[in-house]
Amino acid sequence: MPKILLLEDDAILSETLVELLESEEFEVDLVNDGEKALDATFMKNYDFLLLDVNVPFLNGFELLKSLRESGDKTPAIFITALTDIASLSQGFEVGADDYIKKPFDFDELLVRINVLLRKQYKSYMSKVKVDNFHFDIDSDELYSDNKFMQLSPAELKIVKLLFKNLNKTVLKEIILDELSDAKEASEGSLRVHMTKLRKIGLKIDTIKGIGYRLGSS
C-alpha cells in the first residue's frame, strides 16, 4: 500500500482527499502545516508527497526545497490555487514533479500520482517483471507465476527497493534506512529477510560489503 503524505490546511478538501485516496488503497498521513510535514518526513519514509503551497509556518515551496536539499527524492505534486506563471515556475524550481491547480478533478490527480509512482520503477506499465515474478506497482503486491506472494512489511519494503533498482546494486545502508521505522534495521535481520526472499525464488545477489542486487537471469 503506497504511503502518501498530504499537506493541506483546508479541512473540507483534506477530508475529501483522504477519503478518496484511502478508497484507492493508499495509506495517507494528513498534516495541516509545513513544520508538521517536515517532522513527518523524518519519522517515516513516504512513497509520495501531495503538498498545498499556502499553509502555516513553512509553506509548500519552502518545505520541498528543504527536502530536496537534504537529498529526499520522493515524488511530489503541488496542489494549489496559485495559477500565475511565476508560482508555477517556482514550484518546479524547488523540485516538484508535477503541479495541479485547484479546483481539480480527482481522477486526473489519481492518474498523475500513478504515473509518477511508476516512474520510480523506471516503468510506464503498472507491473515490473523479472523472471517469473512481477511486482504490481498500483497494489504494492508481489506475484510469482501470477500467484500472490505473502510478505511481511519488512520484506515488502525490501522487494520494493529491489524492483525500483532492477539490475543495480542497492546499498545496504539504504535498505536499513528504509527498514528503520519497522524496527528491523540490523544487518542480522536484513540477512534473514534476504534468505527468506531467496527461498521464494527471487534471485538476489549479495555484493559483498556493499549491498544487494536483483536482476534478470
N, C-alpha and C. Protein backbone atom coordinates (compact mmCIF):
# COMPACT_ATOMS: atom_id res chain seq x y z
N MET A 1 0.84 -1.19 0.00
CA MET A 1 0.00 0.00 0.00
C MET A 1 0.88 1.25 0.00
N PRO A 2 0.92 2.02 -1.10
CA PRO A 2 1.76 3.22 -1.15
C PRO A 2 1.37 4.23 -0.07
N LYS A 3 2.40 4.85 0.51
CA LYS A 3 2.19 5.81 1.60
C LYS A 3 2.30 7.23 1.06
N ILE A 4 1.28 8.04 1.32
CA ILE A 4 1.25 9.43 0.86
C ILE A 4 1.24 10.36 2.06
N LEU A 5 2.08 11.39 2.01
CA LEU A 5 1.99 12.49 2.96
C LEU A 5 1.21 13.61 2.31
N LEU A 6 0.08 13.97 2.91
CA LEU A 6 -0.78 15.03 2.38
C LEU A 6 -0.66 16.25 3.27
N LEU A 7 -0.20 17.36 2.70
CA LEU A 7 -0.12 18.64 3.39
C LEU A 7 -1.23 19.54 2.86
N GLU A 8 -2.24 19.77 3.67
CA GLU A 8 -3.40 20.57 3.24
C GLU A 8 -4.09 21.14 4.48
N ASP A 9 -4.30 22.46 4.50
CA ASP A 9 -4.93 23.06 5.68
C ASP A 9 -6.41 23.39 5.48
N ASP A 10 -6.95 23.10 4.32
CA ASP A 10 -8.39 23.24 4.10
C ASP A 10 -9.07 21.97 4.62
N ALA A 11 -9.84 22.11 5.69
CA ALA A 11 -10.41 20.95 6.38
C ALA A 11 -11.31 20.11 5.48
N ILE A 12 -12.16 20.78 4.70
CA ILE A 12 -13.11 20.06 3.85
C ILE A 12 -12.37 19.33 2.73
N LEU A 13 -11.45 20.03 2.05
CA LEU A 13 -10.71 19.40 0.95
C LEU A 13 -9.84 18.26 1.46
N SER A 14 -9.17 18.47 2.59
CA SER A 14 -8.29 17.43 3.10
C SER A 14 -9.07 16.18 3.49
N GLU A 15 -10.23 16.38 4.10
CA GLU A 15 -11.06 15.22 4.48
C GLU A 15 -11.52 14.46 3.24
N THR A 16 -11.89 15.21 2.21
CA THR A 16 -12.32 14.58 0.96
C THR A 16 -11.18 13.80 0.31
N LEU A 17 -10.00 14.43 0.26
CA LEU A 17 -8.85 13.77 -0.37
C LEU A 17 -8.44 12.50 0.38
N VAL A 18 -8.43 12.57 1.69
CA VAL A 18 -8.08 11.38 2.48
C VAL A 18 -9.05 10.24 2.18
N GLU A 19 -10.33 10.56 2.17
CA GLU A 19 -11.34 9.54 1.91
C GLU A 19 -11.17 8.92 0.53
N LEU A 20 -10.96 9.77 -0.48
CA LEU A 20 -10.83 9.28 -1.84
C LEU A 20 -9.54 8.48 -2.04
N LEU A 21 -8.43 8.96 -1.49
CA LEU A 21 -7.16 8.26 -1.64
C LEU A 21 -7.17 6.92 -0.91
N GLU A 22 -7.76 6.89 0.27
CA GLU A 22 -7.85 5.62 1.00
C GLU A 22 -8.75 4.63 0.27
N SER A 23 -9.76 5.14 -0.42
CA SER A 23 -10.62 4.24 -1.20
C SER A 23 -9.87 3.63 -2.38
N GLU A 24 -8.75 4.27 -2.77
CA GLU A 24 -7.90 3.75 -3.85
C GLU A 24 -6.71 2.96 -3.29
N GLU A 25 -6.80 2.59 -2.02
CA GLU A 25 -5.80 1.74 -1.37
C GLU A 25 -4.47 2.44 -1.11
N PHE A 26 -4.51 3.76 -0.89
CA PHE A 26 -3.33 4.48 -0.43
C PHE A 26 -3.40 4.62 1.09
N GLU A 27 -2.25 4.61 1.72
CA GLU A 27 -2.15 4.94 3.14
C GLU A 27 -1.81 6.43 3.24
N VAL A 28 -2.64 7.21 3.91
CA VAL A 28 -2.49 8.67 3.90
C VAL A 28 -2.24 9.21 5.30
N ASP A 29 -1.18 10.01 5.44
CA ASP A 29 -0.95 10.79 6.66
C ASP A 29 -1.25 12.25 6.33
N LEU A 30 -2.17 12.84 7.08
CA LEU A 30 -2.59 14.22 6.83
C LEU A 30 -1.97 15.16 7.87
N VAL A 31 -1.37 16.24 7.39
CA VAL A 31 -0.87 17.31 8.27
C VAL A 31 -1.37 18.64 7.70
N ASN A 32 -1.47 19.64 8.58
CA ASN A 32 -2.04 20.92 8.12
C ASN A 32 -1.09 22.10 8.19
N ASP A 33 0.19 21.84 8.47
CA ASP A 33 1.18 22.92 8.36
C ASP A 33 2.52 22.34 7.95
N GLY A 34 3.38 23.21 7.42
CA GLY A 34 4.64 22.77 6.86
C GLY A 34 5.60 22.16 7.85
N GLU A 35 5.61 22.67 9.07
CA GLU A 35 6.53 22.13 10.08
C GLU A 35 6.15 20.70 10.46
N LYS A 36 4.84 20.44 10.58
CA LYS A 36 4.39 19.08 10.86
C LYS A 36 4.75 18.14 9.71
N ALA A 37 4.64 18.66 8.49
CA ALA A 37 5.00 17.85 7.32
C ALA A 37 6.48 17.50 7.35
N LEU A 38 7.32 18.47 7.69
CA LEU A 38 8.76 18.21 7.75
C LEU A 38 9.07 17.18 8.82
N ASP A 39 8.43 17.32 9.98
CA ASP A 39 8.63 16.34 11.06
C ASP A 39 8.21 14.94 10.60
N ALA A 40 7.09 14.86 9.86
CA ALA A 40 6.58 13.56 9.41
C ALA A 40 7.58 12.87 8.50
N THR A 41 8.27 13.63 7.65
CA THR A 41 9.23 13.01 6.73
C THR A 41 10.44 12.45 7.46
N PHE A 42 10.74 12.97 8.65
CA PHE A 42 11.84 12.42 9.45
C PHE A 42 11.42 11.13 10.14
N MET A 43 10.12 10.98 10.39
CA MET A 43 9.62 9.83 11.14
C MET A 43 9.25 8.64 10.26
N LYS A 44 8.98 8.91 8.97
CA LYS A 44 8.51 7.84 8.09
C LYS A 44 9.00 8.08 6.67
N ASN A 45 9.23 7.00 5.95
CA ASN A 45 9.57 7.09 4.53
C ASN A 45 8.29 7.01 3.70
N TYR A 46 8.04 8.02 2.90
CA TYR A 46 6.82 8.09 2.09
C TYR A 46 7.13 7.73 0.63
N ASP A 47 6.09 7.23 -0.05
CA ASP A 47 6.20 6.95 -1.48
C ASP A 47 5.83 8.17 -2.31
N PHE A 48 5.10 9.12 -1.66
CA PHE A 48 4.59 10.25 -2.44
C PHE A 48 4.28 11.42 -1.52
N LEU A 49 4.50 12.63 -2.04
CA LEU A 49 4.17 13.86 -1.32
C LEU A 49 3.13 14.65 -2.11
N LEU A 50 2.04 15.01 -1.44
CA LEU A 50 0.97 15.80 -2.05
C LEU A 50 0.88 17.07 -1.22
N LEU A 51 1.31 18.21 -1.80
CA LEU A 51 1.57 19.40 -0.99
C LEU A 51 0.78 20.62 -1.45
N ASP A 52 0.04 21.22 -0.52
CA ASP A 52 -0.51 22.55 -0.75
C ASP A 52 0.64 23.54 -0.56
N VAL A 53 0.49 24.75 -1.10
CA VAL A 53 1.56 25.74 -1.00
C VAL A 53 1.32 26.70 0.17
N ASN A 54 0.16 27.34 0.19
CA ASN A 54 -0.13 28.35 1.21
C ASN A 54 -0.64 27.70 2.49
N VAL A 55 0.31 27.24 3.30
CA VAL A 55 0.00 26.60 4.58
C VAL A 55 0.81 27.28 5.68
N PRO A 56 0.41 27.15 6.95
CA PRO A 56 1.10 27.86 8.04
C PRO A 56 2.54 27.40 8.27
N PHE A 57 3.32 28.34 8.86
CA PHE A 57 4.67 28.12 9.39
C PHE A 57 5.74 27.87 8.35
N LEU A 58 5.53 26.91 7.47
CA LEU A 58 6.51 26.61 6.42
C LEU A 58 5.71 26.29 5.17
N ASN A 59 5.79 27.15 4.17
CA ASN A 59 4.92 26.90 3.00
C ASN A 59 5.45 25.72 2.18
N GLY A 60 4.61 25.27 1.26
CA GLY A 60 4.95 24.09 0.48
C GLY A 60 6.23 24.22 -0.32
N PHE A 61 6.48 25.41 -0.89
CA PHE A 61 7.70 25.63 -1.65
C PHE A 61 8.93 25.49 -0.74
N GLU A 62 8.87 26.12 0.43
CA GLU A 62 10.00 26.06 1.38
C GLU A 62 10.23 24.63 1.86
N LEU A 63 9.14 23.93 2.12
CA LEU A 63 9.23 22.55 2.59
C LEU A 63 9.94 21.67 1.56
N LEU A 64 9.48 21.72 0.31
CA LEU A 64 10.05 20.84 -0.70
C LEU A 64 11.50 21.22 -1.00
N LYS A 65 11.79 22.51 -1.00
CA LYS A 65 13.17 22.95 -1.22
C LYS A 65 14.09 22.37 -0.15
N SER A 66 13.63 22.40 1.09
CA SER A 66 14.42 21.85 2.20
C SER A 66 14.62 20.35 2.03
N LEU A 67 13.56 19.63 1.64
CA LEU A 67 13.66 18.19 1.46
C LEU A 67 14.61 17.83 0.32
N ARG A 68 14.50 18.55 -0.80
CA ARG A 68 15.37 18.25 -1.94
C ARG A 68 16.83 18.53 -1.60
N GLU A 69 17.08 19.60 -0.85
CA GLU A 69 18.46 19.93 -0.49
C GLU A 69 19.04 18.89 0.46
N SER A 70 18.17 18.19 1.19
CA SER A 70 18.65 17.15 2.10
C SER A 70 18.81 15.80 1.39
N GLY A 71 18.45 15.76 0.09
CA GLY A 71 18.61 14.52 -0.68
C GLY A 71 17.35 13.70 -0.82
N ASP A 72 16.22 14.19 -0.32
CA ASP A 72 14.94 13.47 -0.43
C ASP A 72 14.41 13.59 -1.86
N LYS A 73 14.26 12.45 -2.54
CA LYS A 73 13.81 12.45 -3.94
C LYS A 73 12.39 11.93 -4.10
N THR A 74 11.63 11.88 -3.00
CA THR A 74 10.26 11.38 -3.05
C THR A 74 9.44 12.18 -4.06
N PRO A 75 8.71 11.51 -4.97
CA PRO A 75 7.89 12.24 -5.95
C PRO A 75 6.91 13.18 -5.25
N ALA A 76 6.73 14.37 -5.82
CA ALA A 76 5.89 15.39 -5.17
C ALA A 76 5.04 16.14 -6.20
N ILE A 77 3.79 16.35 -5.83
CA ILE A 77 2.88 17.17 -6.62
C ILE A 77 2.40 18.32 -5.75
N PHE A 78 2.44 19.53 -6.29
CA PHE A 78 1.82 20.66 -5.61
C PHE A 78 0.35 20.74 -6.03
N ILE A 79 -0.54 20.90 -5.04
CA ILE A 79 -1.95 21.18 -5.32
C ILE A 79 -2.21 22.58 -4.75
N THR A 80 -2.54 23.52 -5.60
CA THR A 80 -2.60 24.90 -5.15
C THR A 80 -3.55 25.74 -5.97
N ALA A 81 -4.03 26.82 -5.35
CA ALA A 81 -4.87 27.78 -6.05
C ALA A 81 -4.04 28.80 -6.80
N LEU A 82 -2.73 28.80 -6.61
CA LEU A 82 -1.85 29.74 -7.31
C LEU A 82 -1.79 29.35 -8.79
N THR A 83 -2.12 30.28 -9.64
CA THR A 83 -2.20 29.96 -11.06
C THR A 83 -1.23 30.77 -11.92
N ASP A 84 -0.49 31.70 -11.33
CA ASP A 84 0.40 32.54 -12.13
C ASP A 84 1.65 31.76 -12.53
N ILE A 85 2.25 32.19 -13.63
CA ILE A 85 3.42 31.52 -14.18
C ILE A 85 4.60 31.54 -13.21
N ALA A 86 4.76 32.64 -12.46
CA ALA A 86 5.87 32.74 -11.52
C ALA A 86 5.78 31.65 -10.45
N SER A 87 4.57 31.41 -9.94
CA SER A 87 4.39 30.37 -8.92
C SER A 87 4.61 28.99 -9.52
N LEU A 88 4.11 28.79 -10.74
CA LEU A 88 4.31 27.52 -11.43
C LEU A 88 5.80 27.25 -11.60
N SER A 89 6.52 28.27 -12.03
CA SER A 89 7.97 28.14 -12.24
C SER A 89 8.68 27.85 -10.93
N GLN A 90 8.29 28.55 -9.86
CA GLN A 90 8.93 28.33 -8.57
C GLN A 90 8.70 26.91 -8.08
N GLY A 91 7.49 26.41 -8.31
CA GLY A 91 7.18 25.04 -7.87
C GLY A 91 8.11 24.02 -8.49
N PHE A 92 8.38 24.16 -9.78
CA PHE A 92 9.28 23.21 -10.44
C PHE A 92 10.74 23.47 -10.06
N GLU A 93 11.08 24.73 -9.82
CA GLU A 93 12.46 25.05 -9.44
C GLU A 93 12.86 24.44 -8.10
N VAL A 94 11.91 24.34 -7.18
CA VAL A 94 12.24 23.77 -5.87
C VAL A 94 12.18 22.25 -5.87
N GLY A 95 11.76 21.65 -7.00
CA GLY A 95 11.85 20.20 -7.11
C GLY A 95 10.56 19.44 -7.28
N ALA A 96 9.46 20.13 -7.62
CA ALA A 96 8.20 19.41 -7.83
C ALA A 96 8.28 18.55 -9.09
N ASP A 97 7.59 17.43 -9.07
CA ASP A 97 7.48 16.57 -10.24
C ASP A 97 6.25 16.92 -11.07
N ASP A 98 5.28 17.54 -10.43
CA ASP A 98 4.05 17.94 -11.13
C ASP A 98 3.38 19.04 -10.32
N TYR A 99 2.37 19.67 -10.93
CA TYR A 99 1.73 20.84 -10.34
C TYR A 99 0.30 20.86 -10.86
N ILE A 100 -0.67 20.81 -9.96
CA ILE A 100 -2.07 20.78 -10.38
C ILE A 100 -2.83 21.90 -9.68
N LYS A 101 -3.63 22.62 -10.47
CA LYS A 101 -4.30 23.81 -9.96
C LYS A 101 -5.69 23.48 -9.42
N LYS A 102 -6.02 24.09 -8.29
CA LYS A 102 -7.36 23.95 -7.71
C LYS A 102 -8.34 24.85 -8.48
N PRO A 103 -9.58 24.43 -8.63
CA PRO A 103 -10.12 23.11 -8.29
C PRO A 103 -9.68 22.09 -9.35
N PHE A 104 -9.54 20.86 -8.95
CA PHE A 104 -9.08 19.82 -9.87
C PHE A 104 -9.99 18.61 -9.80
N ASP A 105 -9.93 17.80 -10.82
CA ASP A 105 -10.70 16.57 -10.88
C ASP A 105 -9.89 15.47 -10.17
N PHE A 106 -10.51 14.73 -9.26
CA PHE A 106 -9.78 13.72 -8.50
C PHE A 106 -9.22 12.64 -9.41
N ASP A 107 -9.96 12.24 -10.43
CA ASP A 107 -9.47 11.20 -11.34
C ASP A 107 -8.20 11.65 -12.05
N GLU A 108 -8.13 12.94 -12.37
CA GLU A 108 -6.92 13.47 -13.00
C GLU A 108 -5.75 13.41 -12.02
N LEU A 109 -6.00 13.79 -10.77
CA LEU A 109 -4.95 13.72 -9.76
C LEU A 109 -4.46 12.29 -9.60
N LEU A 110 -5.37 11.35 -9.58
CA LEU A 110 -5.02 9.94 -9.41
C LEU A 110 -4.14 9.46 -10.56
N VAL A 111 -4.48 9.85 -11.77
CA VAL A 111 -3.67 9.49 -12.94
C VAL A 111 -2.26 10.03 -12.78
N ARG A 112 -2.14 11.29 -12.37
CA ARG A 112 -0.81 11.91 -12.21
C ARG A 112 0.01 11.21 -11.12
N ILE A 113 -0.64 10.86 -10.02
CA ILE A 113 0.06 10.15 -8.94
C ILE A 113 0.58 8.81 -9.44
N ASN A 114 -0.27 8.04 -10.11
CA ASN A 114 0.13 6.71 -10.57
C ASN A 114 1.24 6.76 -11.60
N VAL A 115 1.21 7.77 -12.47
CA VAL A 115 2.28 7.92 -13.46
C VAL A 115 3.63 8.13 -12.76
N LEU A 116 3.64 8.99 -11.75
CA LEU A 116 4.89 9.28 -11.06
C LEU A 116 5.36 8.09 -10.22
N LEU A 117 4.43 7.35 -9.65
CA LEU A 117 4.82 6.15 -8.90
C LEU A 117 5.47 5.12 -9.83
N ARG A 118 4.94 4.98 -11.03
CA ARG A 118 5.50 4.02 -11.99
C ARG A 118 6.89 4.46 -12.45
N LYS A 119 7.09 5.75 -12.57
CA LYS A 119 8.40 6.24 -13.00
C LYS A 119 9.48 5.89 -11.98
N GLN A 120 9.10 5.76 -10.70
CA GLN A 120 10.07 5.35 -9.69
C GLN A 120 10.65 3.98 -10.02
N TYR A 121 9.85 3.16 -10.70
CA TYR A 121 10.27 1.81 -11.06
C TYR A 121 10.80 1.76 -12.50
N LYS A 122 11.05 2.93 -13.08
CA LYS A 122 11.54 3.03 -14.46
C LYS A 122 10.59 2.32 -15.41
N SER A 123 9.28 2.44 -15.16
CA SER A 123 8.28 1.72 -15.94
C SER A 123 7.12 2.62 -16.29
N TYR A 124 6.56 2.41 -17.47
CA TYR A 124 5.33 3.10 -17.86
C TYR A 124 4.12 2.19 -17.66
N MET A 125 4.39 0.94 -17.27
CA MET A 125 3.33 -0.02 -17.02
C MET A 125 3.11 -0.15 -15.52
N SER A 126 2.03 -0.82 -15.14
CA SER A 126 1.74 -0.98 -13.71
C SER A 126 2.47 -2.18 -13.11
N LYS A 127 3.16 -2.96 -13.94
CA LYS A 127 3.85 -4.14 -13.45
C LYS A 127 5.31 -4.12 -13.88
N VAL A 128 6.17 -4.50 -12.94
CA VAL A 128 7.60 -4.64 -13.23
C VAL A 128 7.95 -6.12 -13.14
N LYS A 129 8.55 -6.67 -14.20
CA LYS A 129 8.77 -8.11 -14.27
C LYS A 129 10.25 -8.47 -14.20
N VAL A 130 10.52 -9.59 -13.52
CA VAL A 130 11.85 -10.18 -13.53
C VAL A 130 11.66 -11.70 -13.40
N ASP A 131 12.18 -12.43 -14.38
CA ASP A 131 11.99 -13.88 -14.45
C ASP A 131 10.49 -14.21 -14.35
N ASN A 132 10.12 -15.09 -13.43
CA ASN A 132 8.70 -15.46 -13.34
C ASN A 132 7.94 -14.61 -12.30
N PHE A 133 8.60 -13.58 -11.81
CA PHE A 133 7.98 -12.69 -10.82
C PHE A 133 7.52 -11.39 -11.48
N HIS A 134 6.47 -10.81 -10.91
CA HIS A 134 6.15 -9.43 -11.26
C HIS A 134 5.67 -8.69 -10.01
N PHE A 135 6.04 -7.42 -9.95
CA PHE A 135 5.62 -6.57 -8.84
C PHE A 135 4.57 -5.61 -9.37
N ASP A 136 3.39 -5.62 -8.73
CA ASP A 136 2.30 -4.73 -9.13
C ASP A 136 2.46 -3.41 -8.39
N ILE A 137 2.80 -2.35 -9.14
CA ILE A 137 3.09 -1.06 -8.55
C ILE A 137 1.85 -0.45 -7.89
N ASP A 138 0.70 -0.60 -8.55
CA ASP A 138 -0.51 0.04 -8.05
C ASP A 138 -0.98 -0.57 -6.73
N SER A 139 -0.79 -1.88 -6.57
CA SER A 139 -1.30 -2.54 -5.37
C SER A 139 -0.20 -2.89 -4.36
N ASP A 140 1.07 -2.63 -4.72
CA ASP A 140 2.19 -2.99 -3.83
C ASP A 140 2.17 -4.49 -3.51
N GLU A 141 2.07 -5.31 -4.53
CA GLU A 141 1.99 -6.75 -4.32
C GLU A 141 2.96 -7.48 -5.24
N LEU A 142 3.53 -8.58 -4.72
CA LEU A 142 4.46 -9.40 -5.49
C LEU A 142 3.76 -10.69 -5.89
N TYR A 143 3.99 -11.10 -7.16
CA TYR A 143 3.38 -12.33 -7.68
C TYR A 143 4.47 -13.19 -8.30
N SER A 144 4.31 -14.51 -8.16
CA SER A 144 5.16 -15.47 -8.83
C SER A 144 4.27 -16.36 -9.69
N ASP A 145 4.49 -16.35 -11.00
CA ASP A 145 3.61 -17.07 -11.93
C ASP A 145 2.14 -16.72 -11.66
N ASN A 146 1.92 -15.42 -11.42
CA ASN A 146 0.57 -14.86 -11.16
C ASN A 146 -0.03 -15.32 -9.83
N LYS A 147 0.79 -15.94 -8.97
CA LYS A 147 0.33 -16.32 -7.64
C LYS A 147 0.81 -15.29 -6.64
N PHE A 148 -0.13 -14.76 -5.83
CA PHE A 148 0.21 -13.74 -4.84
C PHE A 148 1.17 -14.30 -3.80
N MET A 149 2.22 -13.53 -3.51
CA MET A 149 3.20 -13.93 -2.51
C MET A 149 3.01 -13.10 -1.24
N GLN A 150 2.73 -13.78 -0.15
CA GLN A 150 2.52 -13.10 1.13
C GLN A 150 3.87 -12.70 1.71
N LEU A 151 4.06 -11.41 1.95
CA LEU A 151 5.32 -10.91 2.50
C LEU A 151 5.06 -10.17 3.80
N SER A 152 6.07 -10.17 4.66
CA SER A 152 5.99 -9.35 5.87
C SER A 152 6.20 -7.89 5.46
N PRO A 153 5.82 -6.91 6.32
CA PRO A 153 6.04 -5.50 5.98
C PRO A 153 7.49 -5.19 5.64
N ALA A 154 8.43 -5.77 6.39
CA ALA A 154 9.84 -5.51 6.12
C ALA A 154 10.27 -6.11 4.78
N GLU A 155 9.81 -7.32 4.49
CA GLU A 155 10.15 -7.95 3.22
C GLU A 155 9.58 -7.17 2.04
N LEU A 156 8.38 -6.63 2.21
CA LEU A 156 7.77 -5.83 1.15
C LEU A 156 8.59 -4.57 0.89
N LYS A 157 9.09 -3.93 1.93
CA LYS A 157 9.93 -2.74 1.77
C LYS A 157 11.18 -3.08 0.96
N ILE A 158 11.78 -4.23 1.28
CA ILE A 158 12.99 -4.64 0.57
C ILE A 158 12.68 -4.93 -0.90
N VAL A 159 11.59 -5.66 -1.14
CA VAL A 159 11.20 -6.00 -2.51
C VAL A 159 10.96 -4.74 -3.33
N LYS A 160 10.29 -3.77 -2.75
CA LYS A 160 10.03 -2.53 -3.48
C LYS A 160 11.33 -1.85 -3.88
N LEU A 161 12.29 -1.79 -2.96
CA LEU A 161 13.58 -1.17 -3.28
C LEU A 161 14.30 -1.91 -4.38
N LEU A 162 14.28 -3.24 -4.32
CA LEU A 162 14.99 -4.04 -5.32
C LEU A 162 14.34 -3.90 -6.70
N PHE A 163 13.01 -3.88 -6.75
CA PHE A 163 12.33 -3.73 -8.04
C PHE A 163 12.47 -2.31 -8.60
N LYS A 164 12.60 -1.32 -7.72
CA LYS A 164 12.84 0.04 -8.20
C LYS A 164 14.24 0.17 -8.80
N ASN A 165 15.13 -0.73 -8.41
CA ASN A 165 16.53 -0.65 -8.84
C ASN A 165 16.99 -1.94 -9.51
N LEU A 166 16.13 -2.47 -10.39
CA LEU A 166 16.48 -3.70 -11.09
C LEU A 166 17.83 -3.58 -11.79
N ASN A 167 18.64 -4.61 -11.65
CA ASN A 167 19.97 -4.67 -12.28
C ASN A 167 20.92 -3.61 -11.74
N LYS A 168 20.62 -3.09 -10.55
CA LYS A 168 21.50 -2.14 -9.88
C LYS A 168 21.73 -2.61 -8.45
N THR A 169 22.90 -2.28 -7.92
CA THR A 169 23.18 -2.62 -6.53
C THR A 169 22.55 -1.59 -5.61
N VAL A 170 21.77 -2.09 -4.63
CA VAL A 170 21.18 -1.22 -3.63
C VAL A 170 22.04 -1.29 -2.38
N LEU A 171 22.59 -0.17 -1.96
CA LEU A 171 23.45 -0.16 -0.78
C LEU A 171 22.69 -0.66 0.44
N LYS A 172 23.36 -1.46 1.25
CA LYS A 172 22.68 -1.99 2.43
C LYS A 172 22.28 -0.88 3.39
N GLU A 173 23.03 0.24 3.39
CA GLU A 173 22.66 1.36 4.25
C GLU A 173 21.32 1.95 3.84
N ILE A 174 21.04 1.96 2.53
CA ILE A 174 19.76 2.47 2.04
C ILE A 174 18.62 1.54 2.47
N ILE A 175 18.87 0.24 2.39
CA ILE A 175 17.84 -0.72 2.80
C ILE A 175 17.58 -0.62 4.29
N LEU A 176 18.64 -0.51 5.09
CA LEU A 176 18.48 -0.39 6.53
C LEU A 176 17.74 0.88 6.90
N ASP A 177 17.99 1.95 6.18
CA ASP A 177 17.27 3.21 6.43
C ASP A 177 15.79 3.03 6.12
N GLU A 178 15.49 2.31 5.04
CA GLU A 178 14.09 2.05 4.67
C GLU A 178 13.40 1.21 5.74
N LEU A 179 14.15 0.34 6.40
CA LEU A 179 13.57 -0.53 7.42
C LEU A 179 13.54 0.10 8.80
N SER A 180 14.09 1.30 8.93
CA SER A 180 14.26 1.90 10.26
C SER A 180 12.96 2.07 11.01
N ASP A 181 11.85 2.42 10.31
CA ASP A 181 10.58 2.60 11.02
C ASP A 181 9.89 1.27 11.29
N ALA A 182 10.45 0.18 10.78
CA ALA A 182 9.90 -1.16 11.07
C ALA A 182 10.65 -1.82 12.23
N LYS A 183 11.61 -1.09 12.81
CA LYS A 183 12.39 -1.58 13.96
C LYS A 183 13.13 -2.87 13.63
N GLU A 184 13.48 -3.03 12.37
CA GLU A 184 14.21 -4.24 11.97
C GLU A 184 15.48 -3.84 11.22
N ALA A 185 16.07 -2.72 11.63
CA ALA A 185 17.20 -2.18 10.89
C ALA A 185 18.52 -2.66 11.46
N SER A 186 18.74 -3.95 11.41
CA SER A 186 20.04 -4.50 11.79
C SER A 186 20.53 -5.38 10.64
N GLU A 187 21.84 -5.50 10.53
CA GLU A 187 22.38 -6.31 9.43
C GLU A 187 21.99 -7.77 9.58
N GLY A 188 21.87 -8.23 10.82
CA GLY A 188 21.46 -9.62 11.04
C GLY A 188 20.05 -9.88 10.54
N SER A 189 19.11 -8.98 10.88
CA SER A 189 17.73 -9.17 10.44
C SER A 189 17.63 -9.01 8.92
N LEU A 190 18.45 -8.13 8.35
CA LEU A 190 18.45 -7.95 6.90
C LEU A 190 18.88 -9.24 6.20
N ARG A 191 19.89 -9.91 6.71
CA ARG A 191 20.33 -11.17 6.11
C ARG A 191 19.22 -12.22 6.21
N VAL A 192 18.51 -12.24 7.32
CA VAL A 192 17.39 -13.18 7.48
C VAL A 192 16.32 -12.92 6.43
N HIS A 193 15.98 -11.64 6.24
CA HIS A 193 14.95 -11.29 5.24
C HIS A 193 15.39 -11.69 3.84
N MET A 194 16.66 -11.47 3.52
CA MET A 194 17.16 -11.82 2.20
C MET A 194 17.10 -13.33 1.98
N THR A 195 17.41 -14.09 3.02
CA THR A 195 17.33 -15.55 2.92
C THR A 195 15.90 -15.99 2.63
N LYS A 196 14.93 -15.39 3.32
CA LYS A 196 13.52 -15.74 3.10
C LYS A 196 13.09 -15.38 1.68
N LEU A 197 13.53 -14.23 1.18
CA LEU A 197 13.15 -13.82 -0.17
C LEU A 197 13.78 -14.72 -1.23
N ARG A 198 14.98 -15.18 -0.97
CA ARG A 198 15.61 -16.12 -1.91
C ARG A 198 14.89 -17.46 -1.92
N LYS A 199 14.37 -17.86 -0.76
CA LYS A 199 13.66 -19.14 -0.68
C LYS A 199 12.39 -19.16 -1.51
N ILE A 200 11.78 -18.00 -1.73
CA ILE A 200 10.58 -17.97 -2.58
C ILE A 200 10.95 -17.90 -4.05
N GLY A 201 12.26 -17.76 -4.35
CA GLY A 201 12.71 -17.82 -5.73
C GLY A 201 13.32 -16.56 -6.29
N LEU A 202 13.31 -15.47 -5.55
CA LEU A 202 13.93 -14.23 -6.05
C LEU A 202 15.45 -14.41 -6.09
N LYS A 203 16.04 -14.09 -7.23
CA LYS A 203 17.48 -14.26 -7.41
C LYS A 203 18.20 -12.97 -7.01
N ILE A 204 18.48 -12.87 -5.71
CA ILE A 204 19.10 -11.68 -5.13
C ILE A 204 20.58 -11.98 -4.89
N ASP A 205 21.43 -11.20 -5.51
CA ASP A 205 22.87 -11.36 -5.33
C ASP A 205 23.35 -10.48 -4.19
N THR A 206 24.27 -11.01 -3.39
CA THR A 206 24.94 -10.22 -2.36
C THR A 206 26.21 -9.62 -2.96
N ILE A 207 26.32 -8.33 -2.92
CA ILE A 207 27.54 -7.65 -3.34
C ILE A 207 28.33 -7.38 -2.06
N LYS A 208 29.30 -8.22 -1.81
CA LYS A 208 29.97 -8.28 -0.51
C LYS A 208 30.44 -6.91 -0.02
N GLY A 209 30.01 -6.57 1.20
CA GLY A 209 30.40 -5.33 1.82
C GLY A 209 29.71 -4.10 1.28
N ILE A 210 28.84 -4.27 0.28
CA ILE A 210 28.21 -3.11 -0.35
C ILE A 210 26.70 -3.15 -0.25
N GLY A 211 26.08 -4.23 -0.77
CA GLY A 211 24.63 -4.27 -0.76
C GLY A 211 24.08 -5.48 -1.47
N TYR A 212 22.93 -5.30 -2.12
CA TYR A 212 22.23 -6.40 -2.77
C TYR A 212 21.73 -5.97 -4.14
N ARG A 213 21.53 -6.98 -5.00
CA ARG A 213 21.17 -6.68 -6.38
C ARG A 213 20.15 -7.73 -6.88
N LEU A 214 19.09 -7.25 -7.51
CA LEU A 214 18.10 -8.12 -8.14
C LEU A 214 18.16 -7.88 -9.64
N GLY A 215 18.29 -8.97 -10.40
CA GLY A 215 18.36 -8.80 -11.85
C GLY A 215 17.79 -10.00 -12.56
N SER A 216 17.56 -9.84 -13.86
CA SER A 216 17.07 -10.94 -14.68
C SER A 216 18.18 -11.95 -14.89
N SER A 217 17.79 -13.21 -14.93
CA SER A 217 18.79 -14.27 -15.15
C SER A 217 19.14 -14.35 -16.62
